[in-house]
PDB file of N, CA and C in Angstrom:
ATOM      1  N   MET A   1       4.819 -48.131  15.855  1.00  0.00           N
ATOM      2  CA  MET A   1       6.104 -47.556  16.236  1.00  0.00           C
ATOM      3  C   MET A   1       6.092 -46.004  15.872  1.00  0.00           C
ATOM      4  N   SER A   2       6.440 -45.196  16.460  1.00  0.00           N
ATOM      5  CA  SER A   2       6.289 -43.734  16.405  1.00  0.00           C
ATOM      6  C   SER A   2       7.577 -43.316  15.429  1.00  0.00           C
ATOM      7  N   LYS A   3       7.319 -42.233  14.504  1.00  0.00           N
ATOM      8  CA  LYS A   3       8.313 -41.794  13.504  1.00  0.00           C
ATOM      9  C   LYS A   3       9.248 -40.669  14.244  1.00  0.00           C
ATOM     10  N   VAL A   4      10.306 -40.855  13.835  1.00  0.00           N
ATOM     11  CA  VAL A   4      11.407 -39.916  14.353  1.00  0.00           C
ATOM     12  C   VAL A   4      11.623 -38.621  13.575  1.00  0.00           C
ATOM     13  N   TYR A   5      11.374 -37.490  14.007  1.00  0.00           N
ATOM     14  CA  TYR A   5      11.526 -36.342  12.906  1.00  0.00           C
ATOM     15  C   TYR A   5      12.852 -35.787  13.005  1.00  0.00           C
ATOM     16  N   SER A   6      13.082 -35.130  11.881  1.00  0.00           N
ATOM     17  CA  SER A   6      14.377 -34.611  11.654  1.00  0.00           C
ATOM     18  C   SER A   6      14.675 -33.340  12.561  1.00  0.00           C
ATOM     19  N   ARG A   7      15.763 -32.835  12.774  1.00  0.00           N
ATOM     20  CA  ARG A   7      15.989 -31.636  13.530  1.00  0.00           C
ATOM     21  C   ARG A   7      15.537 -30.465  12.720  1.00  0.00           C
ATOM     22  N   MET A   8      15.593 -30.633  11.589  1.00  0.00           N
ATOM     23  CA  MET A   8      15.280 -29.391  10.595  1.00  0.00           C
ATOM     24  C   MET A   8      13.808 -29.117  10.693  1.00  0.00           C
ATOM     25  N   TYR A   9      13.005 -30.321  10.704  1.00  0.00           N
ATOM     26  CA  TYR A   9      11.657 -30.191  10.643  1.00  0.00           C
ATOM     27  C   TYR A   9      11.267 -29.544  11.854  1.00  0.00           C
ATOM     28  N   ILE A  10      11.778 -30.174  13.031  1.00  0.00           N
ATOM     29  CA  ILE A  10      11.417 -29.570  14.421  1.00  0.00           C
ATOM     30  C   ILE A  10      11.592 -28.171  14.438  1.00  0.00           C
ATOM     31  N   GLU A  11      12.706 -27.698  13.761  1.00  0.00           N
ATOM     32  CA  GLU A  11      13.148 -26.328  14.076  1.00  0.00           C
ATOM     33  C   GLU A  11      12.346 -25.346  13.094  1.00  0.00           C
ATOM     34  N   SER A  12      11.744 -26.035  11.880  1.00  0.00           N
ATOM     35  CA  SER A  12      10.804 -25.265  10.990  1.00  0.00           C
ATOM     36  C   SER A  12       9.520 -25.125  11.633  1.00  0.00           C
ATOM     37  N   VAL A  13       8.855 -26.109  12.347  1.00  0.00           N
ATOM     38  CA  VAL A  13       7.916 -26.034  13.198  1.00  0.00           C
ATOM     39  C   VAL A  13       7.819 -25.066  14.422  1.00  0.00           C
ATOM     40  N   LYS A  14       8.939 -24.958  14.935  1.00  0.00           N
ATOM     41  CA  LYS A  14       9.309 -23.843  15.975  1.00  0.00           C
ATOM     42  C   LYS A  14       9.271 -22.384  15.505  1.00  0.00           C
ATOM     43  N   LEU A  15       9.930 -22.268  14.336  1.00  0.00           N
ATOM     44  CA  LEU A  15       9.892 -21.026  13.756  1.00  0.00           C
ATOM     45  C   LEU A  15       8.551 -20.665  13.279  1.00  0.00           C
ATOM     46  N   GLU A  16       7.699 -21.526  12.872  1.00  0.00           N
ATOM     47  CA  GLU A  16       6.538 -21.191  12.270  1.00  0.00           C
ATOM     48  C   GLU A  16       5.414 -20.865  13.502  1.00  0.00           C
ATOM     49  N   LEU A  17       5.701 -21.483  14.705  1.00  0.00           N
ATOM     50  CA  LEU A  17       4.902 -21.202  15.793  1.00  0.00           C
ATOM     51  C   LEU A  17       5.183 -19.572  16.473  1.00  0.00           C
ATOM     52  N   LEU A  18       6.667 -19.313  16.264  1.00  0.00           N
ATOM     53  CA  LEU A  18       7.173 -17.980  16.657  1.00  0.00           C
ATOM     54  C   LEU A  18       6.468 -17.110  15.792  1.00  0.00           C
ATOM     55  N   ASN A  19       6.546 -17.402  14.467  1.00  0.00           N
ATOM     56  CA  ASN A  19       5.964 -16.169  13.504  1.00  0.00           C
ATOM     57  C   ASN A  19       4.405 -15.824  13.264  1.00  0.00           C
ATOM     58  N   ARG A  20       3.835 -17.206  13.513  1.00  0.00           N
ATOM     59  CA  ARG A  20       2.505 -17.119  13.001  1.00  0.00           C
ATOM     60  C   ARG A  20       1.735 -16.795  14.353  1.00  0.00           C
ATOM     61  N   LEU A  21       2.036 -17.406  15.618  1.00  0.00           N
ATOM     62  CA  LEU A  21       1.347 -17.023  16.716  1.00  0.00           C
ATOM     63  C   LEU A  21       1.727 -15.932  17.328  1.00  0.00           C
ATOM     64  N   GLY A  22       3.017 -15.275  17.295  1.00  0.00           N
ATOM     65  CA  GLY A  22       3.286 -13.987  17.623  1.00  0.00           C
ATOM     66  C   GLY A  22       3.919 -14.334  19.202  1.00  0.00           C
ATOM     67  N   LEU A  23       4.790 -15.432  19.111  1.00  0.00           N
ATOM     68  CA  LEU A  23       5.369 -15.535  20.654  1.00  0.00           C
ATOM     69  C   LEU A  23       6.713 -15.107  20.774  1.00  0.00           C
ATOM     70  N   LYS A  24       7.160 -14.975  22.023  1.00  0.00           N
ATOM     71  CA  LYS A  24       8.596 -14.278  21.955  1.00  0.00           C
ATOM     72  C   LYS A  24       9.508 -15.382  21.977  1.00  0.00           C
ATOM     73  N   GLN A  25       9.307 -16.648  22.753  1.00  0.00           N
ATOM     74  CA  GLN A  25      10.326 -17.769  22.431  1.00  0.00           C
ATOM     75  C   GLN A  25       9.589 -18.997  22.666  1.00  0.00           C
ATOM     76  N   VAL A  26      10.012 -19.921  21.852  1.00  0.00           N
ATOM     77  CA  VAL A  26       9.535 -21.374  21.656  1.00  0.00           C
ATOM     78  C   VAL A  26      10.636 -22.382  22.048  1.00  0.00           C
ATOM     79  N   TYR A  27      10.451 -23.160  22.874  1.00  0.00           N
ATOM     80  CA  TYR A  27      11.283 -24.330  23.067  1.00  0.00           C
ATOM     81  C   TYR A  27      10.832 -25.641  22.737  1.00  0.00           C
ATOM     82  N   TYR A  28      11.474 -26.619  22.107  1.00  0.00           N
ATOM     83  CA  TYR A  28      11.015 -27.878  21.749  1.00  0.00           C
ATOM     84  C   TYR A  28      11.209 -28.667  23.056  1.00  0.00           C
ATOM     85  N   LYS A  29      10.362 -29.462  23.473  1.00  0.00           N
ATOM     86  CA  LYS A  29      10.379 -30.137  24.693  1.00  0.00           C
ATOM     87  C   LYS A  29      10.364 -31.810  24.738  1.00  0.00           C
ATOM     88  N   GLY A  30      10.160 -32.321  23.459  1.00  0.00           N
ATOM     89  CA  GLY A  30      10.197 -33.712  23.116  1.00  0.00           C
ATOM     90  C   GLY A  30       9.289 -34.200  22.453  1.00  0.00           C
ATOM     91  N   GLN A  31       9.251 -35.445  22.070  1.00  0.00           N
ATOM     92  CA  GLN A  31       8.063 -36.273  21.293  1.00  0.00           C
ATOM     93  C   GLN A  31       7.304 -37.193  21.992  1.00  0.00           C
ATOM     94  N   THR A  32       5.965 -37.280  21.735  1.00  0.00           N
ATOM     95  CA  THR A  32       5.261 -38.311  22.495  1.00  0.00           C
ATOM     96  C   THR A  32       4.617 -38.882  21.251  1.00  0.00           C
ATOM     97  N   GLY A  33       4.919 -40.205  21.105  1.00  0.00           N
ATOM     98  CA  GLY A  33       4.264 -40.810  20.054  1.00  0.00           C
ATOM     99  C   GLY A  33       4.597 -40.165  18.768  1.00  0.00           C
ATOM    100  N   ASP A  34       3.649 -39.507  17.870  1.00  0.00           N
ATOM    101  CA  ASP A  34       3.912 -39.085  16.670  1.00  0.00           C
ATOM    102  C   ASP A  34       3.764 -37.522  16.855  1.00  0.00           C
ATOM    103  N   ASP A  35       3.549 -37.144  17.952  1.00  0.00           N
ATOM    104  CA  ASP A  35       3.171 -35.533  18.587  1.00  0.00           C
ATOM    105  C   ASP A  35       4.518 -35.129  19.043  1.00  0.00           C
ATOM    106  N   LEU A  36       4.727 -33.733  18.550  1.00  0.00           N
ATOM    107  CA  LEU A  36       5.703 -32.805  19.174  1.00  0.00           C
ATOM    108  C   LEU A  36       5.364 -32.024  20.146  1.00  0.00           C
ATOM    109  N   LEU A  37       6.068 -31.812  21.339  1.00  0.00           N
ATOM    110  CA  LEU A  37       5.734 -30.939  22.288  1.00  0.00           C
ATOM    111  C   LEU A  37       6.396 -29.584  22.127  1.00  0.00           C
ATOM    112  N   TYR A  38       5.979 -28.506  22.647  1.00  0.00           N
ATOM    113  CA  TYR A  38       6.599 -27.201  22.580  1.00  0.00           C
ATOM    114  C   TYR A  38       6.069 -26.325  23.873  1.00  0.00           C
ATOM    115  N   GLU A  39       7.057 -25.729  24.412  1.00  0.00           N
ATOM    116  CA  GLU A  39       6.617 -24.709  25.372  1.00  0.00           C
ATOM    117  C   GLU A  39       7.054 -23.283  24.907  1.00  0.00           C
ATOM    118  N   ALA A  40       6.325 -22.463  25.155  1.00  0.00           N
ATOM    119  CA  ALA A  40       6.517 -21.157  24.813  1.00  0.00           C
ATOM    120  C   ALA A  40       6.032 -19.928  25.699  1.00  0.00           C
ATOM    121  N   SER A  41       6.839 -18.803  25.690  1.00  0.00           N
ATOM    122  CA  SER A  41       6.511 -17.626  26.325  1.00  0.00           C
ATOM    123  C   SER A  41       6.101 -16.511  25.409  1.00  0.00           C
ATOM    124  N   GLY A  42       5.010 -15.824  25.982  1.00  0.00           N
ATOM    125  CA  GLY A  42       4.475 -14.659  25.076  1.00  0.00           C
ATOM    126  C   GLY A  42       5.191 -13.393  25.482  1.00  0.00           C
ATOM    127  N   PHE A  43       4.623 -12.211  24.808  1.00  0.00           N
ATOM    128  CA  PHE A  43       5.293 -11.086  24.848  1.00  0.00           C
ATOM    129  C   PHE A  43       4.902 -10.205  26.205  1.00  0.00           C
ATOM    130  N   ASP A  44       3.568 -10.810  26.593  1.00  0.00           N
ATOM    131  CA  ASP A  44       3.140 -10.332  27.850  1.00  0.00           C
ATOM    132  C   ASP A  44       3.822 -10.990  29.089  1.00  0.00           C
ATOM    133  N   ARG A  45       4.105 -10.212  30.243  1.00  0.00           N
ATOM    134  CA  ARG A  45       4.954 -10.760  31.179  1.00  0.00           C
ATOM    135  C   ARG A  45       4.572 -11.836  31.826  1.00  0.00           C
ATOM    136  N   GLY A  46       5.145 -12.973  31.990  1.00  0.00           N
ATOM    137  CA  GLY A  46       4.656 -14.196  32.944  1.00  0.00           C
ATOM    138  C   GLY A  46       3.564 -14.977  31.847  1.00  0.00           C
ATOM    139  N   THR A  47       3.342 -14.791  30.832  1.00  0.00           N
ATOM    140  CA  THR A  47       2.471 -15.694  29.982  1.00  0.00           C
ATOM    141  C   THR A  47       3.309 -16.789  29.372  1.00  0.00           C
ATOM    142  N   GLU A  48       2.864 -18.074  29.625  1.00  0.00           N
ATOM    143  CA  GLU A  48       3.502 -19.360  29.139  1.00  0.00           C
ATOM    144  C   GLU A  48       2.346 -20.017  28.642  1.00  0.00           C
ATOM    145  N   HIS A  49       2.772 -20.944  27.540  1.00  0.00           N
ATOM    146  CA  HIS A  49       1.889 -21.775  26.857  1.00  0.00           C
ATOM    147  C   HIS A  49       2.505 -22.975  26.609  1.00  0.00           C
ATOM    148  N   LYS A  50       1.914 -24.100  26.497  1.00  0.00           N
ATOM    149  CA  LYS A  50       2.181 -25.329  25.925  1.00  0.00           C
ATOM    150  C   LYS A  50       1.421 -25.908  24.674  1.00  0.00           C
ATOM    151  N   PHE A  51       2.166 -26.313  23.815  1.00  0.00           N
ATOM    152  CA  PHE A  51       1.612 -26.782  22.474  1.00  0.00           C
ATOM    153  C   PHE A  51       2.044 -28.166  22.172  1.00  0.00           C
ATOM    154  N   CYS A  52       0.926 -28.846  21.611  1.00  0.00           N
ATOM    155  CA  CYS A  52       1.135 -30.040  21.038  1.00  0.00           C
ATOM    156  C   CYS A  52       0.830 -29.953  19.523  1.00  0.00           C
ATOM    157  N   VAL A  53       1.972 -30.510  18.590  1.00  0.00           N
ATOM    158  CA  VAL A  53       1.693 -30.595  17.177  1.00  0.00           C
ATOM    159  C   VAL A  53       1.327 -32.015  17.029  1.00  0.00           C
ATOM    160  N   ARG A  54       0.161 -31.866  16.302  1.00  0.00           N
ATOM    161  CA  ARG A  54      -0.370 -33.475  15.798  1.00  0.00           C
ATOM    162  C   ARG A  54       0.183 -33.478  14.555  1.00  0.00           C
ATOM    163  N   THR A  55       1.256 -34.187  14.278  1.00  0.00           N
ATOM    164  CA  THR A  55       1.898 -34.316  13.093  1.00  0.00           C
ATOM    165  C   THR A  55       1.179 -35.099  11.971  1.00  0.00           C
ATOM    166  N   LYS A  56       0.084 -35.973  12.382  1.00  0.00           N
ATOM    167  CA  LYS A  56      -0.552 -36.701  11.364  1.00  0.00           C
ATOM    168  C   LYS A  56      -1.561 -35.875  10.652  1.00  0.00           C
ATOM    169  N   THR A  57      -2.089 -34.802  11.479  1.00  0.00           N
ATOM    170  CA  THR A  57      -3.118 -33.968  10.974  1.00  0.00           C
ATOM    171  C   THR A  57      -2.557 -32.705  10.586  1.00  0.00           C
ATOM    172  N   GLY A  58      -1.554 -32.276  11.103  1.00  0.00           N
ATOM    173  CA  GLY A  58      -0.965 -30.983  10.844  1.00  0.00           C
ATOM    174  C   GLY A  58      -1.640 -29.910  11.622  1.00  0.00           C
ATOM    175  N   THR A  59      -2.353 -30.144  12.849  1.00  0.00           N
ATOM    176  CA  THR A  59      -2.929 -29.420  13.664  1.00  0.00           C
ATOM    177  C   THR A  59      -2.235 -29.013  14.832  1.00  0.00           C
ATOM    178  N   ILE A  60      -2.562 -28.015  15.790  1.00  0.00           N
ATOM    179  CA  ILE A  60      -1.905 -27.635  16.829  1.00  0.00           C
ATOM    180  C   ILE A  60      -2.838 -27.309  17.990  1.00  0.00           C
ATOM    181  N   GLU A  61      -2.445 -27.919  19.155  1.00  0.00           N
ATOM    182  CA  GLU A  61      -3.301 -27.974  20.488  1.00  0.00           C
ATOM    183  C   GLU A  61      -2.738 -27.184  21.537  1.00  0.00           C
ATOM    184  N   GLU A  62      -3.559 -26.467  22.077  1.00  0.00           N
ATOM    185  CA  GLU A  62      -2.901 -25.572  23.341  1.00  0.00           C
ATOM    186  C   GLU A  62      -3.389 -26.081  24.828  1.00  0.00           C
ATOM    187  N   LEU A  63      -2.699 -26.625  25.749  1.00  0.00           N
ATOM    188  CA  LEU A  63      -2.916 -26.906  26.938  1.00  0.00           C
ATOM    189  C   LEU A  63      -3.561 -25.707  27.832  1.00  0.00           C
ATOM    190  N   VAL A  64      -4.953 -25.986  27.856  1.00  0.00           N
ATOM    191  CA  VAL A  64      -5.471 -24.731  28.682  1.00  0.00           C
ATOM    192  C   VAL A  64      -6.496 -25.326  29.724  1.00  0.00           C
ATOM    193  N   ALA A  65      -6.362 -25.017  30.796  1.00  0.00           N
ATOM    194  CA  ALA A  65      -6.934 -25.515  32.169  1.00  0.00           C
ATOM    195  C   ALA A  65      -6.674 -27.019  32.247  1.00  0.00           C
ATOM    196  N   GLY A  66      -5.515 -27.508  32.133  1.00  0.00           N
ATOM    197  CA  GLY A  66      -5.347 -29.045  32.076  1.00  0.00           C
ATOM    198  C   GLY A  66      -5.840 -29.854  30.804  1.00  0.00           C
ATOM    199  N   LYS A  67      -6.247 -29.136  29.802  1.00  0.00           N
ATOM    200  CA  LYS A  67      -6.976 -29.881  28.682  1.00  0.00           C
ATOM    201  C   LYS A  67      -6.518 -29.433  27.296  1.00  0.00           C
ATOM    202  N   TRP A  68      -6.258 -30.367  26.541  1.00  0.00           N
ATOM    203  CA  TRP A  68      -5.810 -29.982  25.018  1.00  0.00           C
ATOM    204  C   TRP A  68      -6.900 -29.317  24.514  1.00  0.00           C
ATOM    205  N   MET A  69      -6.652 -28.184  23.892  1.00  0.00           N
ATOM    206  CA  MET A  69      -7.660 -27.429  23.022  1.00  0.00           C
ATOM    207  C   MET A  69      -7.194 -27.238  21.841  1.00  0.00           C
ATOM    208  N   LYS A  70      -8.105 -27.572  20.594  1.00  0.00           N
ATOM    209  CA  LYS A  70      -7.392 -27.443  19.213  1.00  0.00           C
ATOM    210  C   LYS A  70      -7.457 -25.789  19.060  1.00  0.00           C
ATOM    211  N   VAL A  71      -6.397 -25.208  18.436  1.00  0.00           N
ATOM    212  CA  VAL A  71      -6.009 -23.834  17.960  1.00  0.00           C
ATOM    213  C   VAL A  71      -6.741 -23.698  16.761  1.00  0.00           C
ATOM    214  N   ARG A  72      -7.996 -22.853  16.592  1.00  0.00           N
ATOM    215  CA  ARG A  72      -8.787 -23.057  15.410  1.00  0.00           C
ATOM    216  C   ARG A  72      -7.932 -22.151  14.473  1.00  0.00           C
ATOM    217  N   SER A  73      -8.557 -22.439  13.050  1.00  0.00           N
ATOM    218  CA  SER A  73      -7.967 -21.966  11.927  1.00  0.00           C
ATOM    219  C   SER A  73      -6.214 -21.890  11.912  1.00  0.00           C
ATOM    220  N   PHE A  74      -5.743 -22.850  12.377  1.00  0.00           N
ATOM    221  CA  PHE A  74      -4.150 -22.821  12.231  1.00  0.00           C
ATOM    222  C   PHE A  74      -3.847 -24.277  11.996  1.00  0.00           C
ATOM    223  N   SER A  75      -3.117 -24.379  10.958  1.00  0.00           N
ATOM    224  CA  SER A  75      -2.535 -25.802  10.716  1.00  0.00           C
ATOM    225  C   SER A  75      -0.982 -25.528  10.211  1.00  0.00           C
ATOM    226  N   ILE A  76      -0.364 -26.478  10.616  1.00  0.00           N
ATOM    227  CA  ILE A  76       1.317 -26.608  10.419  1.00  0.00           C
ATOM    228  C   ILE A  76       1.516 -26.547   8.913  1.00  0.00           C
ATOM    229  N   LYS A  77       2.271 -25.626   8.363  1.00  0.00           N
ATOM    230  CA  LYS A  77       2.409 -25.522   6.900  1.00  0.00           C
ATOM    231  C   LYS A  77       3.840 -26.288   6.429  1.00  0.00           C
ATOM    232  N   SER A  78       4.772 -26.399   7.472  1.00  0.00           N
ATOM    233  CA  SER A  78       6.020 -27.091   7.506  1.00  0.00           C
ATOM    234  C   SER A  78       5.657 -28.714   6.961  1.00  0.00           C
ATOM    235  N   LYS A  79       6.552 -29.095   6.117  1.00  0.00           N
ATOM    236  CA  LYS A  79       6.327 -30.558   5.538  1.00  0.00           C
ATOM    237  C   LYS A  79       7.578 -31.348   5.915  1.00  0.00           C
ATOM    238  N   GLU A  80       7.545 -32.584   6.419  1.00  0.00           N
ATOM    239  CA  GLU A  80       8.713 -33.304   6.445  1.00  0.00           C
ATOM    240  C   GLU A  80       9.306 -33.770   5.193  1.00  0.00           C
ATOM    241  N   LEU A  81      10.483 -33.799   5.221  1.00  0.00           N
ATOM    242  CA  LEU A  81      11.046 -34.062   3.971  1.00  0.00           C
ATOM    243  C   LEU A  81      11.415 -35.620   4.010  1.00  0.00           C
TER     244      LEU A  81
END
């Protein structure tokens, strides 16, 4: 059974994505199993990104050309309370 994450944790991960990846807007899309899904837009016109936060490992992946690719040298610093 998957864990349900608090709104505060979801928002702290969202702010971390905004600040550390230099994105313009980040939207929480939902949860799949233990993973959190986000969509984002960049500062360049028309750039859109999809991210999957792997909560068990604290890593983040981006959807590139239909495949989830790990974002190197980036791990979530937010912790579940």
